[in-house]
Amino acid sequence: MAAYETTRPAPLGAITTFHLVQSIWTLVHKLRDWNDVRLTRHALDKLSDRELEDIGLCRGDIDGLGKQRL
């Protein structure tokens, strides 16, 4: 009985290229998330204290926004 190996090694540089592309996508996603939080903080900062109270927030809550995600 003969056994054949059906797996092949990745071409030279394929894994390195994959890791590079993956790192770039990770950076893009982190920058996008950071910008979303930045824009949200800016929009909330422009609201009055009364408007913040209507949505259940106070000024101190704005500083903590997004810290658990980033």
PDB file of N, CA and C in Angstrom:
ATOM      1  N   MET A   1       0.848  -1.166   0.000  1.00  0.00           N
ATOM      2  CA  MET A   1       0.000   0.000   0.000  1.00  0.00           C
ATOM      3  C   MET A   1       0.898   1.236   0.000  1.00  0.00           C
ATOM      4  N   ALA A   2       0.578   2.156  -0.883  1.00  0.00           N
ATOM      5  CA  ALA A   2       1.367   3.378  -0.995  1.00  0.00           C
ATOM      6  C   ALA A   2       0.603   4.539  -0.378  1.00  0.00           C
ATOM      7  N   ALA A   3       1.332   5.448   0.222  1.00  0.00           N
ATOM      8  CA  ALA A   3       0.724   6.638   0.815  1.00  0.00           C
ATOM      9  C   ALA A   3       1.286   7.867   0.101  1.00  0.00           C
ATOM     10  N   TYR A   4       0.413   8.757  -0.222  1.00  0.00           N
ATOM     11  CA  TYR A   4       0.820   9.985  -0.899  1.00  0.00           C
ATOM     12  C   TYR A   4       0.535  11.188  -0.005  1.00  0.00           C
ATOM     13  N   GLU A   5       1.470  12.078   0.057  1.00  0.00           N
ATOM     14  CA  GLU A   5       1.273  13.317   0.820  1.00  0.00           C
ATOM     15  C   GLU A   5       0.585  14.322  -0.096  1.00  0.00           C
ATOM     16  N   THR A   6      -0.568  14.785   0.326  1.00  0.00           N
ATOM     17  CA  THR A   6      -1.349  15.690  -0.524  1.00  0.00           C
ATOM     18  C   THR A   6      -1.219  17.150  -0.124  1.00  0.00           C
ATOM     19  N   THR A   7      -0.511  17.449   0.953  1.00  0.00           N
ATOM     20  CA  THR A   7      -0.324  18.841   1.359  1.00  0.00           C
ATOM     21  C   THR A   7       0.968  19.370   0.756  1.00  0.00           C
ATOM     22  N   ARG A   8       0.936  20.640   0.442  1.00  0.00           N
ATOM     23  CA  ARG A   8       2.123  21.275  -0.125  1.00  0.00           C
ATOM     24  C   ARG A   8       2.483  22.486   0.741  1.00  0.00           C
ATOM     25  N   PRO A   9       3.756  22.782   0.829  1.00  0.00           N
ATOM     26  CA  PRO A   9       4.127  23.997   1.572  1.00  0.00           C
ATOM     27  C   PRO A   9       3.684  25.241   0.799  1.00  0.00           C
ATOM     28  N   ALA A  10       3.435  26.302   1.543  1.00  0.00           N
ATOM     29  CA  ALA A  10       3.044  27.565   0.915  1.00  0.00           C
ATOM     30  C   ALA A  10       4.202  28.101   0.088  1.00  0.00           C
ATOM     31  N   PRO A  11       3.895  28.783  -1.004  1.00  0.00           N
ATOM     32  CA  PRO A  11       4.968  29.370  -1.816  1.00  0.00           C
ATOM     33  C   PRO A  11       5.790  30.367  -1.006  1.00  0.00           C
ATOM     34  N   LEU A  12       6.994  30.563  -1.426  1.00  0.00           N
ATOM     35  CA  LEU A  12       7.910  31.451  -0.728  1.00  0.00           C
ATOM     36  C   LEU A  12       7.298  32.845  -0.575  1.00  0.00           C
ATOM     37  N   GLY A  13       7.187  33.325   0.631  1.00  0.00           N
ATOM     38  CA  GLY A  13       6.681  34.666   0.906  1.00  0.00           C
ATOM     39  C   GLY A  13       5.178  34.756   1.084  1.00  0.00           C
ATOM     40  N   ALA A  14       4.448  33.681   0.857  1.00  0.00           N
ATOM     41  CA  ALA A  14       2.985  33.733   0.957  1.00  0.00           C
ATOM     42  C   ALA A  14       2.532  33.997   2.387  1.00  0.00           C
ATOM     43  N   ILE A  15       3.154  33.350   3.330  1.00  0.00           N
ATOM     44  CA  ILE A  15       2.759  33.522   4.730  1.00  0.00           C
ATOM     45  C   ILE A  15       3.121  34.920   5.211  1.00  0.00           C
ATOM     46  N   THR A  16       4.294  35.394   4.820  1.00  0.00           N
ATOM     47  CA  THR A  16       4.706  36.751   5.187  1.00  0.00           C
ATOM     48  C   THR A  16       3.757  37.777   4.587  1.00  0.00           C
ATOM     49  N   THR A  17       3.368  37.578   3.339  1.00  0.00           N
ATOM     50  CA  THR A  17       2.429  38.494   2.690  1.00  0.00           C
ATOM     51  C   THR A  17       1.087  38.464   3.402  1.00  0.00           C
ATOM     52  N   PHE A  18       0.618  37.275   3.766  1.00  0.00           N
ATOM     53  CA  PHE A  18      -0.645  37.143   4.495  1.00  0.00           C
ATOM     54  C   PHE A  18      -0.599  37.904   5.811  1.00  0.00           C
ATOM     55  N   HIS A  19       0.480  37.754   6.571  1.00  0.00           N
ATOM     56  CA  HIS A  19       0.606  38.443   7.858  1.00  0.00           C
ATOM     57  C   HIS A  19       0.672  39.963   7.670  1.00  0.00           C
ATOM     58  N   LEU A  20       1.328  40.406   6.616  1.00  0.00           N
ATOM     59  CA  LEU A  20       1.400  41.837   6.331  1.00  0.00           C
ATOM     60  C   LEU A  20       0.022  42.395   6.018  1.00  0.00           C
ATOM     61  N   VAL A  21      -0.723  41.717   5.164  1.00  0.00           N
ATOM     62  CA  VAL A  21      -2.073  42.170   4.817  1.00  0.00           C
ATOM     63  C   VAL A  21      -2.976  42.143   6.035  1.00  0.00           C
ATOM     64  N   GLN A  22      -2.866  41.099   6.842  1.00  0.00           N
ATOM     65  CA  GLN A  22      -3.664  40.991   8.058  1.00  0.00           C
ATOM     66  C   GLN A  22      -3.340  42.141   9.027  1.00  0.00           C
ATOM     67  N   SER A  23      -2.083  42.496   9.156  1.00  0.00           N
ATOM     68  CA  SER A  23      -1.677  43.601  10.036  1.00  0.00           C
ATOM     69  C   SER A  23      -2.225  44.933   9.529  1.00  0.00           C
ATOM     70  N   ILE A  24      -2.200  45.119   8.222  1.00  0.00           N
ATOM     71  CA  ILE A  24      -2.734  46.361   7.650  1.00  0.00           C
ATOM     72  C   ILE A  24      -4.235  46.458   7.914  1.00  0.00           C
ATOM     73  N   TRP A  25      -4.978  45.355   7.718  1.00  0.00           N
ATOM     74  CA  TRP A  25      -6.415  45.381   7.970  1.00  0.00           C
ATOM     75  C   TRP A  25      -6.715  45.642   9.438  1.00  0.00           C
ATOM     76  N   THR A  26      -5.923  45.057  10.331  1.00  0.00           N
ATOM     77  CA  THR A  26      -6.111  45.306  11.760  1.00  0.00           C
ATOM     78  C   THR A  26      -5.909  46.784  12.072  1.00  0.00           C
ATOM     79  N   LEU A  27      -4.879  47.379  11.501  1.00  0.00           N
ATOM     80  CA  LEU A  27      -4.622  48.807  11.707  1.00  0.00           C
ATOM     81  C   LEU A  27      -5.758  49.655  11.155  1.00  0.00           C
ATOM     82  N   VAL A  28      -6.255  49.317   9.984  1.00  0.00           N
ATOM     83  CA  VAL A  28      -7.363  50.067   9.375  1.00  0.00           C
ATOM     84  C   VAL A  28      -8.596  50.002  10.274  1.00  0.00           C
ATOM     85  N   HIS A  29      -8.907  48.828  10.800  1.00  0.00           N
ATOM     86  CA  HIS A  29     -10.077  48.679  11.668  1.00  0.00           C
ATOM     87  C   HIS A  29      -9.907  49.452  12.979  1.00  0.00           C
ATOM     88  N   LYS A  30      -8.710  49.432  13.528  1.00  0.00           N
ATOM     89  CA  LYS A  30      -8.481  50.189  14.766  1.00  0.00           C
ATOM     90  C   LYS A  30      -8.588  51.692  14.530  1.00  0.00           C
ATOM     91  N   LEU A  31      -8.074  52.151  13.397  1.00  0.00           N
ATOM     92  CA  LEU A  31      -8.201  53.577  13.072  1.00  0.00           C
ATOM     93  C   LEU A  31      -9.663  53.967  12.849  1.00  0.00           C
ATOM     94  N   ARG A  32     -10.419  53.105  12.187  1.00  0.00           N
ATOM     95  CA  ARG A  32     -11.837  53.376  11.968  1.00  0.00           C
ATOM     96  C   ARG A  32     -12.589  53.450  13.297  1.00  0.00           C
ATOM     97  N   ASP A  33     -12.319  52.504  14.196  1.00  0.00           N
ATOM     98  CA  ASP A  33     -12.970  52.511  15.506  1.00  0.00           C
ATOM     99  C   ASP A  33     -12.594  53.748  16.303  1.00  0.00           C
ATOM    100  N   TRP A  34     -11.313  54.123  16.264  1.00  0.00           N
ATOM    101  CA  TRP A  34     -10.856  55.317  16.976  1.00  0.00           C
ATOM    102  C   TRP A  34     -11.572  56.560  16.445  1.00  0.00           C
ATOM    103  N   ASN A  35     -11.713  56.652  15.130  1.00  0.00           N
ATOM    104  CA  ASN A  35     -12.370  57.819  14.542  1.00  0.00           C
ATOM    105  C   ASN A  35     -13.852  57.846  14.910  1.00  0.00           C
ATOM    106  N   ASP A  36     -14.514  56.698  14.948  1.00  0.00           N
ATOM    107  CA  ASP A  36     -15.918  56.650  15.357  1.00  0.00           C
ATOM    108  C   ASP A  36     -16.094  57.173  16.784  1.00  0.00           C
ATOM    109  N   VAL A  37     -15.212  56.734  17.671  1.00  0.00           N
ATOM    110  CA  VAL A  37     -15.286  57.189  19.065  1.00  0.00           C
ATOM    111  C   VAL A  37     -15.001  58.688  19.142  1.00  0.00           C
ATOM    112  N   ARG A  38     -14.032  59.157  18.381  1.00  0.00           N
ATOM    113  CA  ARG A  38     -13.687  60.579  18.373  1.00  0.00           C
ATOM    114  C   ARG A  38     -14.869  61.429  17.914  1.00  0.00           C
ATOM    115  N   LEU A  39     -15.527  61.011  16.846  1.00  0.00           N
ATOM    116  CA  LEU A  39     -16.681  61.761  16.335  1.00  0.00           C
ATOM    117  C   LEU A  39     -17.852  61.732  17.309  1.00  0.00           C
ATOM    118  N   THR A  40     -18.062  60.583  17.947  1.00  0.00           N
ATOM    119  CA  THR A  40     -19.141  60.467  18.930  1.00  0.00           C
ATOM    120  C   THR A  40     -18.877  61.372  20.125  1.00  0.00           C
ATOM    121  N   ARG A  41     -17.642  61.373  20.624  1.00  0.00           N
ATOM    122  CA  ARG A  41     -17.303  62.258  21.748  1.00  0.00           C
ATOM    123  C   ARG A  41     -17.517  63.722  21.374  1.00  0.00           C
ATOM    124  N   HIS A  42     -17.114  64.077  20.160  1.00  0.00           N
ATOM    125  CA  HIS A  42     -17.273  65.466  19.712  1.00  0.00           C
ATOM    126  C   HIS A  42     -18.752  65.845  19.641  1.00  0.00           C
ATOM    127  N   ALA A  43     -19.578  64.947  19.111  1.00  0.00           N
ATOM    128  CA  ALA A  43     -21.014  65.230  19.010  1.00  0.00           C
ATOM    129  C   ALA A  43     -21.650  65.334  20.393  1.00  0.00           C
ATOM    130  N   LEU A  44     -21.281  64.447  21.309  1.00  0.00           N
ATOM    131  CA  LEU A  44     -21.831  64.497  22.660  1.00  0.00           C
ATOM    132  C   LEU A  44     -21.351  65.725  23.418  1.00  0.00           C
ATOM    133  N   ASP A  45     -20.137  66.147  23.149  1.00  0.00           N
ATOM    134  CA  ASP A  45     -19.591  67.320  23.830  1.00  0.00           C
ATOM    135  C   ASP A  45     -20.341  68.591  23.441  1.00  0.00           C
ATOM    136  N   LYS A  46     -20.914  68.597  22.247  1.00  0.00           N
ATOM    137  CA  LYS A  46     -21.652  69.775  21.788  1.00  0.00           C
ATOM    138  C   LYS A  46     -23.056  69.855  22.392  1.00  0.00           C
ATOM    139  N   LEU A  47     -23.541  68.758  23.012  1.00  0.00           N
ATOM    140  CA  LEU A  47     -24.868  68.767  23.614  1.00  0.00           C
ATOM    141  C   LEU A  47     -24.851  69.502  24.948  1.00  0.00           C
ATOM    142  N   SER A  48     -25.994  70.056  25.307  1.00  0.00           N
ATOM    143  CA  SER A  48     -26.113  70.728  26.611  1.00  0.00           C
ATOM    144  C   SER A  48     -26.261  69.664  27.703  1.00  0.00           C
ATOM    145  N   ASP A  49     -26.110  70.104  28.947  1.00  0.00           N
ATOM    146  CA  ASP A  49     -26.256  69.179  30.071  1.00  0.00           C
ATOM    147  C   ASP A  49     -27.665  68.591  30.109  1.00  0.00           C
ATOM    148  N   ARG A  50     -28.640  69.391  29.773  1.00  0.00           N
ATOM    149  CA  ARG A  50     -30.040  68.919  29.748  1.00  0.00           C
ATOM    150  C   ARG A  50     -30.228  67.841  28.682  1.00  0.00           C
ATOM    151  N   GLU A  51     -29.649  68.043  27.509  1.00  0.00           N
ATOM    152  CA  GLU A  51     -29.772  67.052  26.439  1.00  0.00           C
ATOM    153  C   GLU A  51     -29.052  65.750  26.799  1.00  0.00           C
ATOM    154  N   LEU A  52     -27.905  65.869  27.448  1.00  0.00           N
ATOM    155  CA  LEU A  52     -27.190  64.676  27.901  1.00  0.00           C
ATOM    156  C   LEU A  52     -28.009  63.919  28.940  1.00  0.00           C
ATOM    157  N   GLU A  53     -28.658  64.664  29.830  1.00  0.00           N
ATOM    158  CA  GLU A  53     -29.484  64.035  30.853  1.00  0.00           C
ATOM    159  C   GLU A  53     -30.659  63.285  30.213  1.00  0.00           C
ATOM    160  N   ASP A  54     -31.199  63.829  29.136  1.00  0.00           N
ATOM    161  CA  ASP A  54     -32.313  63.177  28.443  1.00  0.00           C
ATOM    162  C   ASP A  54     -31.922  61.810  27.888  1.00  0.00           C
ATOM    163  N   ILE A  55     -30.680  61.638  27.486  1.00  0.00           N
ATOM    164  CA  ILE A  55     -30.250  60.349  26.953  1.00  0.00           C
ATOM    165  C   ILE A  55     -29.538  59.500  28.012  1.00  0.00           C
ATOM    166  N   GLY A  56     -29.562  59.957  29.257  1.00  0.00           N
ATOM    167  CA  GLY A  56     -29.031  59.163  30.358  1.00  0.00           C
ATOM    168  C   GLY A  56     -27.532  59.257  30.552  1.00  0.00           C
ATOM    169  N   LEU A  57     -26.937  60.368  30.141  1.00  0.00           N
ATOM    170  CA  LEU A  57     -25.492  60.561  30.297  1.00  0.00           C
ATOM    171  C   LEU A  57     -25.211  61.837  31.077  1.00  0.00           C
ATOM    172  N   CYS A  58     -23.991  61.940  31.561  1.00  0.00           N
ATOM    173  CA  CYS A  58     -23.506  63.185  32.141  1.00  0.00           C
ATOM    174  C   CYS A  58     -22.158  63.490  31.506  1.00  0.00           C
ATOM    175  N   ARG A  59     -21.628  64.671  31.763  1.00  0.00           N
ATOM    176  CA  ARG A  59     -20.355  65.067  31.146  1.00  0.00           C
ATOM    177  C   ARG A  59     -19.230  64.082  31.436  1.00  0.00           C
ATOM    178  N   GLY A  60     -19.210  63.526  32.637  1.00  0.00           N
ATOM    179  CA  GLY A  60     -18.160  62.582  33.008  1.00  0.00           C
ATOM    180  C   GLY A  60     -18.206  61.281  32.224  1.00  0.00           C
ATOM    181  N   ASP A  61     -19.379  60.925  31.708  1.00  0.00           N
ATOM    182  CA  ASP A  61     -19.505  59.691  30.928  1.00  0.00           C
ATOM    183  C   ASP A  61     -18.834  59.800  29.570  1.00  0.00           C
ATOM    184  N   ILE A  62     -18.702  60.992  29.051  1.00  0.00           N
ATOM    185  CA  ILE A  62     -18.122  61.182  27.723  1.00  0.00           C
ATOM    186  C   ILE A  62     -16.648  60.766  27.718  1.00  0.00           C
ATOM    187  N   ASP A  63     -15.933  61.064  28.782  1.00  0.00           N
ATOM    188  CA  ASP A  63     -14.504  60.723  28.846  1.00  0.00           C
ATOM    189  C   ASP A  63     -14.267  59.214  28.806  1.00  0.00           C
ATOM    190  N   GLY A  64     -15.154  58.445  29.409  1.00  0.00           N
ATOM    191  CA  GLY A  64     -14.983  57.000  29.451  1.00  0.00           C
ATOM    192  C   GLY A  64     -15.500  56.284  28.212  1.00  0.00           C
ATOM    193  N   LEU A  65     -16.055  57.024  27.285  1.00  0.00           N
ATOM    194  CA  LEU A  65     -16.651  56.422  26.099  1.00  0.00           C
ATOM    195  C   LEU A  65     -15.589  55.760  25.229  1.00  0.00           C
ATOM    196  N   GLY A  66     -15.770  54.495  24.930  1.00  0.00           N
ATOM    197  CA  GLY A  66     -14.877  53.787  24.016  1.00  0.00           C
ATOM    198  C   GLY A  66     -13.613  53.232  24.628  1.00  0.00           C
ATOM    199  N   LYS A  67     -13.327  53.512  25.879  1.00  0.00           N
ATOM    200  CA  LYS A  67     -12.075  53.018  26.470  1.00  0.00           C
ATOM    201  C   LYS A  67     -12.070  51.503  26.613  1.00  0.00           C
ATOM    202  N   GLN A  68     -13.235  50.896  26.826  1.00  0.00           N
ATOM    203  CA  GLN A  68     -13.275  49.451  26.949  1.00  0.00           C
ATOM    204  C   GLN A  68     -13.107  48.781  25.599  1.00  0.00           C
ATOM    205  N   ARG A  69     -13.408  49.470  24.492  1.00  0.00           N
ATOM    206  CA  ARG A  69     -13.261  48.896  23.152  1.00  0.00           C
ATOM    207  C   ARG A  69     -11.851  49.020  22.637  1.00  0.00           C
ATOM    208  N   LEU A  70     -11.200  50.146  22.876  1.00  0.00           N
ATOM    209  CA  LEU A  70      -9.877  50.402  22.321  1.00  0.00           C
ATOM    210  C   LEU A  70      -8.839  49.921  23.230  1.00  0.00           C
TER     211      LEU A  70
END
